[in-house]
Amino acid sequence: MWLRLSAAGAVLGTGLAVVSGAADWGTAHRLLAALALPPLAAVAIAAWTAHRRLLPTALTALVLFGIAAALTAPGVHLAVAALAFGAAVVLFGQTLRVPSSHGAVRDYVTLTKPR
């Protein structure tokens, strides 16, 4: 479940970063962009360790976000940031197809309950 929440946070963060950058919000844009990075990194780490099928899209979103931060020309920055947002949306869609682990939690609770 936290994988899906992290992916949703990445979509929200990158989306807000794109909108705030297009609206030229200055410091608020930088803050929103900084808040988008941790969920993107969390999903990339989870993809690397446990969900290899998500790895190409997670790395694409993370790399595009980093490239957008490095390129400061206004039109190029906005275009690459929009691509990073698109990759984050695709990544979120892919996380919805990852099987949930609610069964494992239920099994652990069953093992710890006294009879």
C-alpha atoms as a PDB file:
ATOM      1  CA  MET A   1       0.000   0.000   0.000  1.00  0.00           C
ATOM      2  CA  TRP A   2       2.853   2.419   0.777  1.00  0.00           C
ATOM      3  CA  LEU A   3       4.194   1.837  -2.743  1.00  0.00           C
ATOM      4  CA  ARG A   4       0.951   3.164  -4.212  1.00  0.00           C
ATOM      5  CA  LEU A   5       0.900   6.088  -1.778  1.00  0.00           C
ATOM      6  CA  SER A   6       4.481   6.970  -2.681  1.00  0.00           C
ATOM      7  CA  ALA A   7       3.646   6.806  -6.385  1.00  0.00           C
ATOM      8  CA  ALA A   8       0.600   9.012  -5.808  1.00  0.00           C
ATOM      9  CA  GLY A   9       2.812  11.446  -3.898  1.00  0.00           C
ATOM     10  CA  ALA A  10       5.230  11.467  -6.820  1.00  0.00           C
ATOM     11  CA  VAL A  11       2.401  12.301  -9.229  1.00  0.00           C
ATOM     12  CA  LEU A  12       1.088  15.031  -6.955  1.00  0.00           C
ATOM     13  CA  GLY A  13       4.553  16.458  -6.335  1.00  0.00           C
ATOM     14  CA  THR A  14       5.670  16.490  -9.953  1.00  0.00           C
ATOM     15  CA  GLY A  15       2.321  17.894 -11.034  1.00  0.00           C
ATOM     16  CA  LEU A  16       2.513  20.713  -8.514  1.00  0.00           C
ATOM     17  CA  ALA A  17       6.111  21.382  -9.528  1.00  0.00           C
ATOM     18  CA  VAL A  18       5.110  21.674 -13.192  1.00  0.00           C
ATOM     19  CA  VAL A  19       2.160  23.949 -12.443  1.00  0.00           C
ATOM     20  CA  SER A  20       4.129  26.161 -10.061  1.00  0.00           C
ATOM     21  CA  GLY A  21       6.984  26.404 -12.545  1.00  0.00           C
ATOM     22  CA  ALA A  22       4.661  27.340 -15.388  1.00  0.00           C
ATOM     23  CA  ALA A  23       3.048  29.979 -13.148  1.00  0.00           C
ATOM     24  CA  ASP A  24       6.516  31.298 -12.205  1.00  0.00           C
ATOM     25  CA  TRP A  25       6.052  31.012  -8.438  1.00  0.00           C
ATOM     26  CA  GLY A  26       9.791  31.268  -7.679  1.00  0.00           C
ATOM     27  CA  THR A  27      10.599  29.974  -4.201  1.00  0.00           C
ATOM     28  CA  ALA A  28       7.323  28.063  -3.885  1.00  0.00           C
ATOM     29  CA  HIS A  29       8.212  26.242  -7.094  1.00  0.00           C
ATOM     30  CA  ARG A  30      11.586  25.222  -5.704  1.00  0.00           C
ATOM     31  CA  LEU A  31       9.979  23.993  -2.490  1.00  0.00           C
ATOM     32  CA  LEU A  32       7.316  21.989  -4.324  1.00  0.00           C
ATOM     33  CA  ALA A  33       9.950  20.488  -6.617  1.00  0.00           C
ATOM     34  CA  ALA A  34      12.033  19.496  -3.583  1.00  0.00           C
ATOM     35  CA  LEU A  35       8.989  17.811  -2.030  1.00  0.00           C
ATOM     36  CA  ALA A  36       8.449  15.747  -5.180  1.00  0.00           C
ATOM     37  CA  LEU A  37      11.860  14.093  -5.007  1.00  0.00           C
ATOM     38  CA  PRO A  38      11.462  11.826  -1.914  1.00  0.00           C
ATOM     39  CA  PRO A  39       8.400   9.924  -3.204  1.00  0.00           C
ATOM     40  CA  LEU A  40      10.055   9.479  -6.599  1.00  0.00           C
ATOM     41  CA  ALA A  41      13.190   8.152  -4.927  1.00  0.00           C
ATOM     42  CA  ALA A  42      11.158   5.860  -2.637  1.00  0.00           C
ATOM     43  CA  VAL A  43       9.374   4.262  -5.571  1.00  0.00           C
ATOM     44  CA  ALA A  44      12.661   3.871  -7.455  1.00  0.00           C
ATOM     45  CA  ILE A  45      14.243   2.148  -4.445  1.00  0.00           C
ATOM     46  CA  ALA A  46      11.216  -0.122  -4.023  1.00  0.00           C
ATOM     47  CA  ALA A  47      11.361  -0.937  -7.725  1.00  0.00           C
ATOM     48  CA  TRP A  48      15.060  -1.761  -7.438  1.00  0.00           C
ATOM     49  CA  THR A  49      14.622  -4.001  -4.403  1.00  0.00           C
ATOM     50  CA  ALA A  50      11.242  -5.687  -4.801  1.00  0.00           C
ATOM     51  CA  HIS A  51       9.323  -4.701  -7.923  1.00  0.00           C
ATOM     52  CA  ARG A  52      11.714  -4.988 -10.869  1.00  0.00           C
ATOM     53  CA  ARG A  53       8.913  -4.575 -13.375  1.00  0.00           C
ATOM     54  CA  LEU A  54       8.517  -0.960 -12.251  1.00  0.00           C
ATOM     55  CA  LEU A  55      12.227  -0.160 -12.490  1.00  0.00           C
ATOM     56  CA  PRO A  56      12.414   1.228 -16.058  1.00  0.00           C
ATOM     57  CA  THR A  57       9.522   3.635 -15.525  1.00  0.00           C
ATOM     58  CA  ALA A  58      10.670   4.618 -12.024  1.00  0.00           C
ATOM     59  CA  LEU A  59      14.179   5.401 -13.241  1.00  0.00           C
ATOM     60  CA  THR A  60      12.803   7.273 -16.248  1.00  0.00           C
ATOM     61  CA  ALA A  61      10.664   9.504 -14.021  1.00  0.00           C
ATOM     62  CA  LEU A  62      13.532  10.082 -11.598  1.00  0.00           C
ATOM     63  CA  VAL A  63      16.091  10.833 -14.309  1.00  0.00           C
ATOM     64  CA  LEU A  64      13.737  13.150 -16.188  1.00  0.00           C
ATOM     65  CA  PHE A  65      13.028  14.999 -12.957  1.00  0.00           C
ATOM     66  CA  GLY A  66      16.764  15.388 -12.353  1.00  0.00           C
ATOM     67  CA  ILE A  67      17.371  16.565 -15.911  1.00  0.00           C
ATOM     68  CA  ALA A  68      14.576  19.114 -15.522  1.00  0.00           C
ATOM     69  CA  ALA A  69      16.303  20.416 -12.412  1.00  0.00           C
ATOM     70  CA  ALA A  70      19.613  20.699 -14.257  1.00  0.00           C
ATOM     71  CA  LEU A  71      18.252  22.437 -17.347  1.00  0.00           C
ATOM     72  CA  THR A  72      17.292  25.998 -16.518  1.00  0.00           C
ATOM     73  CA  ALA A  73      16.217  27.332 -19.915  1.00  0.00           C
ATOM     74  CA  PRO A  74      12.514  28.108 -19.318  1.00  0.00           C
ATOM     75  CA  GLY A  75      10.978  26.234 -22.262  1.00  0.00           C
ATOM     76  CA  VAL A  76      13.269  23.210 -22.002  1.00  0.00           C
ATOM     77  CA  HIS A  77      12.899  23.034 -18.222  1.00  0.00           C
ATOM     78  CA  LEU A  78       9.116  23.049 -18.461  1.00  0.00           C
ATOM     79  CA  ALA A  79       9.048  20.464 -21.280  1.00  0.00           C
ATOM     80  CA  VAL A  80      11.300  17.994 -19.463  1.00  0.00           C
ATOM     81  CA  ALA A  81       9.414  18.540 -16.189  1.00  0.00           C
ATOM     82  CA  ALA A  82       6.158  17.780 -17.997  1.00  0.00           C
ATOM     83  CA  LEU A  83       7.726  14.566 -19.319  1.00  0.00           C
ATOM     84  CA  ALA A  84       8.754  13.667 -15.757  1.00  0.00           C
ATOM     85  CA  PHE A  85       5.161  14.254 -14.650  1.00  0.00           C
ATOM     86  CA  GLY A  86       3.912  12.004 -17.441  1.00  0.00           C
ATOM     87  CA  ALA A  87       6.356   9.273 -16.448  1.00  0.00           C
ATOM     88  CA  ALA A  88       5.192   9.579 -12.819  1.00  0.00           C
ATOM     89  CA  VAL A  89       1.573   9.158 -13.935  1.00  0.00           C
ATOM     90  CA  VAL A  90       2.493   6.029 -15.900  1.00  0.00           C
ATOM     91  CA  LEU A  91       4.426   4.759 -12.876  1.00  0.00           C
ATOM     92  CA  PHE A  92       1.400   5.251 -10.634  1.00  0.00           C
ATOM     93  CA  GLY A  93      -0.724   3.322 -13.124  1.00  0.00           C
ATOM     94  CA  GLN A  94       1.788   0.489 -13.038  1.00  0.00           C
ATOM     95  CA  THR A  95       1.743   0.373  -9.233  1.00  0.00           C
ATOM     96  CA  LEU A  96      -1.987  -0.237  -9.347  1.00  0.00           C
ATOM     97  CA  ARG A  97      -1.256  -3.493 -11.141  1.00  0.00           C
ATOM     98  CA  VAL A  98       1.207  -4.713  -8.486  1.00  0.00           C
ATOM     99  CA  PRO A  99      -0.420  -7.394  -6.323  1.00  0.00           C
ATOM    100  CA  SER A 100      -1.296  -6.229  -2.830  1.00  0.00           C
ATOM    101  CA  SER A 101       0.323  -7.894   0.171  1.00  0.00           C
ATOM    102  CA  HIS A 102      -2.725  -7.782   2.460  1.00  0.00           C
ATOM    103  CA  GLY A 103      -2.688 -11.583   2.624  1.00  0.00           C
ATOM    104  CA  ALA A 104       0.752 -11.616   4.223  1.00  0.00           C
ATOM    105  CA  VAL A 105      -0.314  -9.148   6.916  1.00  0.00           C
ATOM    106  CA  ARG A 106      -3.429 -11.194   7.622  1.00  0.00           C
ATOM    107  CA  ASP A 107      -1.275 -14.338   7.894  1.00  0.00           C
ATOM    108  CA  TYR A 108       1.063 -12.694  10.426  1.00  0.00           C
ATOM    109  CA  VAL A 109      -1.881 -11.541  12.536  1.00  0.00           C
ATOM    110  CA  THR A 110      -3.341 -15.056  12.432  1.00  0.00           C
ATOM    111  CA  LEU A 111      -0.024 -16.497  13.617  1.00  0.00           C
ATOM    112  CA  THR A 112       0.191 -14.121  16.565  1.00  0.00           C
ATOM    113  CA  LYS A 113      -3.387 -14.539  17.851  1.00  0.00           C
ATOM    114  CA  PRO A 114      -3.810 -16.987  20.718  1.00  0.00           C
ATOM    115  CA  ARG A 115      -6.320 -19.776  20.191  1.00  0.00           C
END
